[in-house]
C-alpha atoms as a PDB file:
ATOM      1  CA  MET A   1       6.724 142.048 122.777  1.00  0.00           C
ATOM      2  CA  ASP A   2       7.550 145.245 121.395  1.00  0.00           C
ATOM      3  CA  GLU A   3      11.061 146.228 120.619  1.00  0.00           C
ATOM      4  CA  THR A   4      11.921 148.223 123.290  1.00  0.00           C
ATOM      5  CA  SER A   5      11.294 145.031 125.651  1.00  0.00           C
ATOM      6  CA  GLU A   6      12.869 142.863 123.804  1.00  0.00           C
ATOM      7  CA  SER A   7      15.680 141.161 126.058  1.00  0.00           C
ATOM      8  CA  PHE A   8      19.334 140.398 124.633  1.00  0.00           C
ATOM      9  CA  GLY A   9      20.237 138.685 128.221  1.00  0.00           C
ATOM     10  CA  PRO A  10      21.101 140.007 131.622  1.00  0.00           C
ATOM     11  CA  ALA A  11      23.392 143.366 131.417  1.00  0.00           C
ATOM     12  CA  PRO A  12      27.009 142.902 132.359  1.00  0.00           C
ATOM     13  CA  ASP A  13      27.705 144.299 135.774  1.00  0.00           C
ATOM     14  CA  ASP A  14      30.455 146.839 136.730  1.00  0.00           C
ATOM     15  CA  ALA A  15      32.572 144.301 138.370  1.00  0.00           C
ATOM     16  CA  MET A  16      32.627 142.334 134.855  1.00  0.00           C
ATOM     17  CA  VAL A  17      33.220 145.475 132.606  1.00  0.00           C
ATOM     18  CA  ASP A  18      36.297 146.297 134.992  1.00  0.00           C
ATOM     19  CA  GLU A  19      37.627 142.949 134.475  1.00  0.00           C
ATOM     20  CA  MET A  20      37.101 142.998 130.425  1.00  0.00           C
ATOM     21  CA  LEU A  21      39.107 146.612 130.481  1.00  0.00           C
ATOM     22  CA  ALA A  22      41.736 145.317 132.383  1.00  0.00           C
ATOM     23  CA  ALA A  23      42.378 142.540 130.029  1.00  0.00           C
ATOM     24  CA  ALA A  24      41.995 144.757 127.192  1.00  0.00           C
ATOM     25  CA  ARG A  25      44.191 147.267 128.264  1.00  0.00           C
ATOM     26  CA  PRO A  26      47.785 145.710 127.814  1.00  0.00           C
ATOM     27  CA  ARG A  27      47.010 144.821 124.324  1.00  0.00           C
ATOM     28  CA  LEU A  28      45.790 148.229 123.514  1.00  0.00           C
ATOM     29  CA  ARG A  29      48.826 150.084 125.021  1.00  0.00           C
ATOM     30  CA  ARG A  30      50.856 147.551 122.990  1.00  0.00           C
ATOM     31  CA  ALA A  31      48.711 148.431 119.715  1.00  0.00           C
ATOM     32  CA  LEU A  32      49.290 152.384 120.339  1.00  0.00           C
ATOM     33  CA  LYS A  33      53.094 151.712 121.046  1.00  0.00           C
ATOM     34  CA  ARG A  34      53.413 150.345 117.515  1.00  0.00           C
ATOM     35  CA  ILE A  35      51.541 153.393 115.939  1.00  0.00           C
ATOM     36  CA  GLU A  36      53.396 156.047 118.060  1.00  0.00           C
ATOM     37  CA  ARG A  37      56.315 157.714 116.377  1.00  0.00           C
ATOM     38  CA  PRO A  38      59.573 158.461 118.279  1.00  0.00           C
ATOM     39  CA  ARG A  39      60.014 162.195 119.527  1.00  0.00           C
ATOM     40  CA  ALA A  40      62.859 164.094 118.765  1.00  0.00           C
ATOM     41  CA  ARG A  41      63.940 167.359 121.013  1.00  0.00           C
ATOM     42  CA  VAL A  42      64.988 170.194 118.710  1.00  0.00           C
ATOM     43  CA  ALA A  43      66.372 173.917 119.066  1.00  0.00           C
ATOM     44  CA  VAL A  44      67.707 176.699 117.424  1.00  0.00           C
ATOM     45  CA  ILE A  45      70.953 177.644 118.921  1.00  0.00           C
ATOM     46  CA  ASP A  46      73.164 180.881 118.631  1.00  0.00           C
ATOM     47  CA  THR A  47      76.843 180.185 118.441  1.00  0.00           C
ATOM     48  CA  ALA A  48      80.134 181.628 117.076  1.00  0.00           C
ATOM     49  CA  LEU A  49      79.778 179.845 114.307  1.00  0.00           C
ATOM     50  CA  GLY A  50      76.563 181.131 113.798  1.00  0.00           C
ATOM     51  CA  ARG A  51      72.485 180.064 114.312  1.00  0.00           C
ATOM     52  CA  LEU A  52      72.383 176.249 113.801  1.00  0.00           C
ATOM     53  CA  LEU A  53      69.380 173.853 114.108  1.00  0.00           C
ATOM     54  CA  VAL A  54      70.241 170.763 116.541  1.00  0.00           C
ATOM     55  CA  ALA A  55      67.699 167.835 116.934  1.00  0.00           C
ATOM     56  CA  ASP A  56      68.526 165.420 119.733  1.00  0.00           C
ATOM     57  CA  GLY A  57      66.448 161.965 119.321  1.00  0.00           C
ATOM     58  CA  PRO A  58      66.274 159.041 121.660  1.00  0.00           C
ATOM     59  CA  ARG A  59      68.901 157.217 120.237  1.00  0.00           C
ATOM     60  CA  GLY A  60      71.776 160.571 120.670  1.00  0.00           C
ATOM     61  CA  LEU A  61      72.187 163.950 118.843  1.00  0.00           C
ATOM     62  CA  MET A  62      70.888 163.006 115.260  1.00  0.00           C
ATOM     63  CA  ALA A  63      71.511 166.386 113.327  1.00  0.00           C
ATOM     64  CA  VAL A  64      73.242 170.119 113.257  1.00  0.00           C
ATOM     65  CA  LYS A  65      73.036 172.342 110.684  1.00  0.00           C
ATOM     66  CA  TYR A  66      74.318 175.670 109.659  1.00  0.00           C
ATOM     67  CA  LEU A  67      70.945 177.538 109.278  1.00  0.00           C
ATOM     68  CA  ASP A  68      72.439 179.856 106.348  1.00  0.00           C
ATOM     69  CA  SER A  69      73.315 176.872 104.674  1.00  0.00           C
ATOM     70  CA  SER A  70      70.828 175.349 101.857  1.00  0.00           C
ATOM     71  CA  ASP A  71      70.145 171.896 103.474  1.00  0.00           C
ATOM     72  CA  GLY A  72      68.570 173.249 106.815  1.00  0.00           C
ATOM     73  CA  ALA A  73      65.018 173.053 105.619  1.00  0.00           C
ATOM     74  CA  GLY A  74      65.635 169.604 104.323  1.00  0.00           C
ATOM     75  CA  THR A  75      66.660 168.313 107.474  1.00  0.00           C
ATOM     76  CA  LEU A  76      63.743 169.459 109.313  1.00  0.00           C
ATOM     77  CA  LYS A  77      61.445 168.005 106.607  1.00  0.00           C
ATOM     78  CA  ASP A  78      63.592 164.690 107.251  1.00  0.00           C
ATOM     79  CA  LEU A  79      63.088 165.163 110.810  1.00  0.00           C
ATOM     80  CA  ARG A  80      59.302 165.798 110.431  1.00  0.00           C
ATOM     81  CA  GLU A  81      58.871 162.506 108.546  1.00  0.00           C
ATOM     82  CA  ARG A  82      60.194 160.181 110.968  1.00  0.00           C
ATOM     83  CA  PHE A  83      59.797 161.922 114.562  1.00  0.00           C
ATOM     84  CA  ASP A  84      57.106 163.844 116.341  1.00  0.00           C
ATOM     85  CA  LEU A  85      59.130 167.309 117.353  1.00  0.00           C
ATOM     86  CA  GLU A  86      58.778 169.394 119.938  1.00  0.00           C
ATOM     87  CA  GLU A  87      61.195 172.253 121.067  1.00  0.00           C
ATOM     88  CA  ASP A  88      63.286 171.893 124.222  1.00  0.00           C
ATOM     89  CA  ALA A  89      65.171 174.711 125.555  1.00  0.00           C
ATOM     90  CA  ALA A  90      67.400 172.399 127.830  1.00  0.00           C
ATOM     91  CA  THR A  91      68.617 170.696 124.305  1.00  0.00           C
ATOM     92  CA  ALA A  92      69.565 174.308 123.572  1.00  0.00           C
ATOM     93  CA  ALA A  93      71.550 175.085 126.154  1.00  0.00           C
ATOM     94  CA  ARG A  94      73.132 171.655 126.640  1.00  0.00           C
ATOM     95  CA  ILE A  95      74.329 171.620 122.796  1.00  0.00           C
ATOM     96  CA  ALA A  96      75.496 175.616 122.848  1.00  0.00           C
ATOM     97  CA  ASP A  97      77.677 174.724 125.774  1.00  0.00           C
ATOM     98  CA  GLU A  98      79.289 172.032 124.104  1.00  0.00           C
ATOM     99  CA  ILE A  99      80.020 173.817 121.234  1.00  0.00           C
ATOM    100  CA  ALA A 100      81.420 176.752 123.128  1.00  0.00           C
ATOM    101  CA  ARG A 101      83.962 174.796 125.251  1.00  0.00           C
ATOM    102  CA  PHE A 102      84.804 173.482 121.751  1.00  0.00           C
ATOM    103  CA  LEU A 103      85.712 176.651 120.521  1.00  0.00           C
ATOM    104  CA  SER A 104      87.618 177.557 123.177  1.00  0.00           C
ATOM    105  CA  GLY A 105      89.955 174.776 123.275  1.00  0.00           C
ATOM    106  CA  ASP A 106      88.311 171.961 124.951  1.00  0.00           C
ATOM    107  CA  VAL A 107      88.096 169.440 122.201  1.00  0.00           C
ATOM    108  CA  ASP A 108      86.560 166.409 124.247  1.00  0.00           C
ATOM    109  CA  ALA A 109      83.658 169.101 124.743  1.00  0.00           C
ATOM    110  CA  VAL A 110      81.816 167.189 121.696  1.00  0.00           C
ATOM    111  CA  ALA A 111      83.808 163.524 121.330  1.00  0.00           C
ATOM    112  CA  HIS A 112      82.038 161.942 123.815  1.00  0.00           C
ATOM    113  CA  ARG A 113      78.509 163.030 122.507  1.00  0.00           C
ATOM    114  CA  ARG A 114      76.103 159.682 121.889  1.00  0.00           C
ATOM    115  CA  ILE A 115      75.280 160.200 118.453  1.00  0.00           C
ATOM    116  CA  ASP A 116      72.533 158.702 115.895  1.00  0.00           C
ATOM    117  CA  LEU A 117      73.102 158.369 112.254  1.00  0.00           C
ATOM    118  CA  SER A 118      69.606 157.196 111.475  1.00  0.00           C
ATOM    119  CA  LEU A 119      69.592 160.303 108.950  1.00  0.00           C
ATOM    120  CA  VAL A 120      72.474 159.092 106.857  1.00  0.00           C
ATOM    121  CA  ALA A 121      71.721 157.328 103.528  1.00  0.00           C
ATOM    122  CA  SER A 122      73.754 154.595 103.118  1.00  0.00           C
ATOM    123  CA  GLU A 123      75.890 152.081 105.069  1.00  0.00           C
ATOM    124  CA  PHE A 124      79.000 153.241 103.235  1.00  0.00           C
ATOM    125  CA  GLN A 125      78.597 156.816 104.442  1.00  0.00           C
ATOM    126  CA  ARG A 126      77.871 155.505 107.777  1.00  0.00           C
ATOM    127  CA  ARG A 127      80.940 153.763 108.129  1.00  0.00           C
ATOM    128  CA  ALA A 128      83.075 156.669 106.390  1.00  0.00           C
ATOM    129  CA  LEU A 129      81.772 158.736 109.205  1.00  0.00           C
ATOM    130  CA  LYS A 130      82.199 156.522 111.938  1.00  0.00           C
ATOM    131  CA  ARG A 131      85.734 156.234 111.020  1.00  0.00           C
ATOM    132  CA  LEU A 132      85.853 160.433 110.711  1.00  0.00           C
ATOM    133  CA  ARG A 133      85.077 159.941 114.651  1.00  0.00           C
ATOM    134  CA  THR A 134      88.366 158.540 115.187  1.00  0.00           C
ATOM    135  CA  VAL A 135      90.777 161.109 113.285  1.00  0.00           C
ATOM    136  CA  PRO A 136      92.321 162.620 116.466  1.00  0.00           C
ATOM    137  CA  ALA A 137      91.817 166.430 116.998  1.00  0.00           C
ATOM    138  CA  GLY A 138      94.564 168.381 115.884  1.00  0.00           C
ATOM    139  CA  SER A 139      95.042 166.233 113.004  1.00  0.00           C
ATOM    140  CA  VAL A 140      93.710 166.095 109.460  1.00  0.00           C
ATOM    141  CA  VAL A 141      93.380 163.376 106.800  1.00  0.00           C
ATOM    142  CA  THR A 142      92.896 163.412 102.861  1.00  0.00           C
ATOM    143  CA  TYR A 143      89.611 162.491 100.965  1.00  0.00           C
ATOM    144  CA  ALA A 144      91.973 159.533  99.526  1.00  0.00           C
ATOM    145  CA  ALA A 145      93.362 158.446 102.993  1.00  0.00           C
ATOM    146  CA  LEU A 146      89.796 157.847 104.554  1.00  0.00           C
ATOM    147  CA  ALA A 147      88.762 155.917 101.495  1.00  0.00           C
ATOM    148  CA  GLU A 148      91.409 153.666 101.862  1.00  0.00           C
ATOM    149  CA  ALA A 149      91.048 153.546 105.890  1.00  0.00           C
ATOM    150  CA  ILE A 150      87.566 152.176 104.972  1.00  0.00           C
ATOM    151  CA  GLY A 151      88.530 149.511 102.248  1.00  0.00           C
ATOM    152  CA  ALA A 152      87.064 151.806  99.487  1.00  0.00           C
ATOM    153  CA  ARG A 153      90.398 152.664  97.855  1.00  0.00           C
ATOM    154  CA  SER A 154      89.057 154.028  94.492  1.00  0.00           C
ATOM    155  CA  SER A 155      85.868 155.983  96.164  1.00  0.00           C
ATOM    156  CA  GLN A 156      87.388 159.505  96.944  1.00  0.00           C
ATOM    157  CA  ARG A 157      84.423 161.159  95.100  1.00  0.00           C
ATOM    158  CA  ALA A 158      81.724 159.195  97.371  1.00  0.00           C
ATOM    159  CA  ILE A 159      84.237 160.564 100.439  1.00  0.00           C
ATOM    160  CA  GLY A 160      83.534 163.866  99.293  1.00  0.00           C
ATOM    161  CA  ASN A 161      79.712 163.257  98.813  1.00  0.00           C
ATOM    162  CA  THR A 162      79.657 161.920 102.064  1.00  0.00           C
ATOM    163  CA  MET A 163      81.137 164.970 103.955  1.00  0.00           C
ATOM    164  CA  ALA A 164      78.901 167.485 102.180  1.00  0.00           C
ATOM    165  CA  SER A 165      76.064 165.733 103.364  1.00  0.00           C
ATOM    166  CA  ASN A 166      77.029 165.051 106.748  1.00  0.00           C
ATOM    167  CA  PRO A 167      74.181 165.583 109.357  1.00  0.00           C
ATOM    168  CA  LEU A 168      76.446 166.382 112.149  1.00  0.00           C
ATOM    169  CA  PRO A 169      79.318 168.827 111.201  1.00  0.00           C
ATOM    170  CA  ILE A 170      81.257 169.344 114.408  1.00  0.00           C
ATOM    171  CA  TYR A 171      80.391 166.177 116.191  1.00  0.00           C
ATOM    172  CA  VAL A 172      81.324 163.878 113.400  1.00  0.00           C
ATOM    173  CA  PRO A 173      84.432 166.469 112.057  1.00  0.00           C
ATOM    174  CA  CYS A 174      84.418 166.418 108.491  1.00  0.00           C
ATOM    175  CA  HIS A 175      86.148 170.053 108.898  1.00  0.00           C
ATOM    176  CA  ARG A 176      89.193 167.316 109.305  1.00  0.00           C
ATOM    177  CA  VAL A 177      89.117 165.751 105.679  1.00  0.00           C
ATOM    178  CA  ILE A 178      91.427 168.065 103.334  1.00  0.00           C
ATOM    179  CA  LYS A 179      92.264 167.565  99.819  1.00  0.00           C
ATOM    180  CA  SER A 180      95.356 165.300  98.740  1.00  0.00           C
ATOM    181  CA  ASP A 181      97.147 168.274  97.495  1.00  0.00           C
ATOM    182  CA  GLY A 182      97.660 169.350 100.726  1.00  0.00           C
ATOM    183  CA  THR A 183      95.174 172.148 100.985  1.00  0.00           C
ATOM    184  CA  ILE A 184      92.418 172.536 103.349  1.00  0.00           C
ATOM    185  CA  GLY A 185      89.286 172.289 100.812  1.00  0.00           C
ATOM    186  CA  ASN A 186      85.800 172.861 100.680  1.00  0.00           C
ATOM    187  CA  TYR A 187      83.505 172.714 103.791  1.00  0.00           C
ATOM    188  CA  GLY A 188      79.537 173.110 103.658  1.00  0.00           C
ATOM    189  CA  GLY A 189      79.599 175.908 106.278  1.00  0.00           C
ATOM    190  CA  GLY A 190      81.994 177.724 104.483  1.00  0.00           C
ATOM    191  CA  ILE A 191      85.865 177.694 104.358  1.00  0.00           C
ATOM    192  CA  GLU A 192      86.127 180.165 107.263  1.00  0.00           C
ATOM    193  CA  ARG A 193      84.259 177.952 109.568  1.00  0.00           C
ATOM    194  CA  LYS A 194      86.454 175.236 108.828  1.00  0.00           C
ATOM    195  CA  LEU A 195      89.761 177.039 109.712  1.00  0.00           C
ATOM    196  CA  LYS A 196      88.055 178.300 112.803  1.00  0.00           C
ATOM    197  CA  LEU A 197      86.854 174.396 113.939  1.00  0.00           C
ATOM    198  CA  LEU A 198      90.850 173.393 112.885  1.00  0.00           C
ATOM    199  CA  ARG A 199      92.303 176.454 114.981  1.00  0.00           C
ATOM    200  CA  ALA A 200      90.470 175.227 117.839  1.00  0.00           C
ATOM    201  CA  GLU A 201      91.684 172.089 118.110  1.00  0.00           C
ATOM    202  CA  GLY A 202      95.168 173.213 117.163  1.00  0.00           C
ATOM    203  CA  PHE A 203      95.781 172.759 113.376  1.00  0.00           C
ATOM    204  CA  ARG A 204      96.538 176.168 111.942  1.00  0.00           C
ATOM    205  CA  ALA A 205      96.618 176.387 108.072  1.00  0.00           C
ATOM    206  CA  GLY A 206      99.590 177.485 106.566  1.00  0.00           C
ATOM    207  CA  ARG A 207      99.987 180.106 103.582  1.00  0.00           C
ATOM    208  CA  GLU A 208      97.330 179.689 101.086  1.00  0.00           C
ATOM    209  CA  ASN A 209      95.135 177.677 103.502  1.00  0.00           C
ATOM    210  CA  ARG A 210      97.562 174.414 103.038  1.00  0.00           C
ATOM    211  CA  VAL A 211      99.048 172.294 105.424  1.00  0.00           C
ATOM    212  CA  PRO A 212     101.237 174.383 107.636  1.00  0.00           C
ATOM    213  CA  GLY A 213     105.215 173.654 107.575  1.00  0.00           C
ATOM    214  CA  THR A 214     105.480 172.493 110.909  1.00  0.00           C
ATOM    215  CA  ALA A 215     102.989 169.535 109.995  1.00  0.00           C
ATOM    216  CA  VAL A 216     104.021 166.016 110.951  1.00  0.00           C
ATOM    217  CA  TYR A 217     102.558 162.675 109.521  1.00  0.00           C
ATOM    218  CA  GLY A 218     101.073 159.986 111.669  1.00  0.00           C
ATOM    219  CA  HIS A 219     100.481 156.317 110.370  1.00  0.00           C
ATOM    220  CA  TRP A 220      97.231 154.893 110.891  1.00  0.00           C
ATOM    221  CA  GLY A 221      98.881 151.570 111.602  1.00  0.00           C
ATOM    222  CA  SER A 222     101.934 151.955 113.464  1.00  0.00           C
ATOM    223  CA  ARG A 223     101.071 154.956 115.573  1.00  0.00           C
ATOM    224  CA  ILE A 224     104.316 156.752 114.670  1.00  0.00           C
ATOM    225  CA  PHE A 225     104.415 160.028 113.603  1.00  0.00           C
ATOM    226  CA  CYS A 226     107.512 161.426 111.078  1.00  0.00           C
ATOM    227  CA  LEU A 227     108.869 164.500 109.485  1.00  0.00           C
ATOM    228  CA  PRO A 228     107.168 164.652 105.802  1.00  0.00           C
ATOM    229  CA  ALA A 229     110.524 164.412 104.309  1.00  0.00           C
ATOM    230  CA  CYS A 230     111.556 160.801 105.998  1.00  0.00           C
ATOM    231  CA  THR A 231     112.181 157.962 104.179  1.00  0.00           C
ATOM    232  CA  ALA A 232     109.460 156.369 106.159  1.00  0.00           C
ATOM    233  CA  VAL A 233     107.019 158.856 104.832  1.00  0.00           C
ATOM    234  CA  ARG A 234     107.845 158.047 101.062  1.00  0.00           C
ATOM    235  CA  ARG A 235     108.264 154.694 101.311  1.00  0.00           C
ATOM    236  CA  ALA A 236     104.570 154.030 102.289  1.00  0.00           C
ATOM    237  CA  SER A 237     101.374 155.258 100.442  1.00  0.00           C
ATOM    238  CA  ARG A 238     100.589 158.667 101.815  1.00  0.00           C
ATOM    239  CA  LYS A 239      96.935 157.663 101.706  1.00  0.00           C
ATOM    240  CA  ARG A 240      98.100 155.785 105.343  1.00  0.00           C
ATOM    241  CA  TRP A 241      98.783 158.812 107.212  1.00  0.00           C
ATOM    242  CA  LEU A 242      97.187 161.396 109.217  1.00  0.00           C
ATOM    243  CA  ILE A 243      98.710 165.021 109.025  1.00  0.00           C
ATOM    244  CA  PHE A 244      99.034 166.633 112.300  1.00  0.00           C
ATOM    245  CA  GLY A 245      99.695 170.499 112.661  1.00  0.00           C
ATOM    246  CA  ASP A 246     102.849 169.829 114.904  1.00  0.00           C
ATOM    247  CA  ALA A 247     104.926 167.155 116.778  1.00  0.00           C
ATOM    248  CA  ALA A 248     103.179 167.962 120.052  1.00  0.00           C
ATOM    249  CA  HIS A 249      99.733 167.286 118.971  1.00  0.00           C
ATOM    250  CA  ALA A 250     100.406 163.787 117.400  1.00  0.00           C
ATOM    251  CA  ARG A 251     102.428 163.113 120.592  1.00  0.00           C
ATOM    252  CA  GLY A 252      99.007 164.540 122.389  1.00  0.00           C
ATOM    253  CA  ALA A 253      97.272 161.735 120.303  1.00  0.00           C
ATOM    254  CA  GLY A 254      99.446 159.036 121.584  1.00  0.00           C
ATOM    255  CA  LEU A 255     101.937 158.485 118.742  1.00  0.00           C
ATOM    256  CA  ARG A 256     105.289 157.978 119.109  1.00  0.00           C
ATOM    257  CA  ALA A 257     108.248 160.231 117.253  1.00  0.00           C
ATOM    258  CA  CYS A 258     110.001 158.186 114.619  1.00  0.00           C
ATOM    259  CA  LYS A 259     113.501 156.905 115.425  1.00  0.00           C
ATOM    260  CA  ILE A 260     115.113 157.880 111.713  1.00  0.00           C
ATOM    261  CA  CYS A 261     113.933 161.773 111.388  1.00  0.00           C
ATOM    262  CA  ARG A 262     113.648 162.385 115.133  1.00  0.00           C
ATOM    263  CA  PRO A 263     110.826 164.892 114.860  1.00  0.00           C
ATOM    264  CA  ALA A 264     111.400 167.791 117.503  1.00  0.00           C
END
């Protein structure tokens, strides 16, 4: 018997092949799913704040970056290492519309967007950014107050670094964090953008970019707001207070006026 006539048994019929393939397909799908990378939709949008790079992933919005800042390229690199990226016009239109509405005074336009903090480096930073999202529009908080609010009283410098590396400005409002001396402080997108974002929320900085004379202090815990000279403010550490641009915005955030100083 030559090699061409050597037999290895009967060839499987079509039905048997189909049955084998049907049995293998679920295992193949599971294997492919394990190695398939998630997708993220990216876009460059033009806004009144300048050109922005935005990225929206399976679990929410992941990045909003000012393209004239130094870290835009780094953010894109981080995204490419974790996701398959695709340009998406619908994402561009949706985010551009939300930001335009926000800048026109509709502060809720960005407040309820689902976000994904997977680009944030540490659990400490995630805690700080999550707590920051609870600071009401129309108010600001100091670096020291934010550190104390997450139980890290001596971590003001780390809070500052967290704000500087925030991957989601506007949506995670790092523009609402100011210095303990009452000055507005720095911002990754530049001080003019910070002031513009605060004005959109009803907080207008005073002379020399300081907390305005109309400001009132609202307490994190009691939900009561006071005039800056109130005895209640002097007794408690100012690290425990939110600073509202005026009494109207404190009331709008659900706080009650102090019965001692009776802010208007």
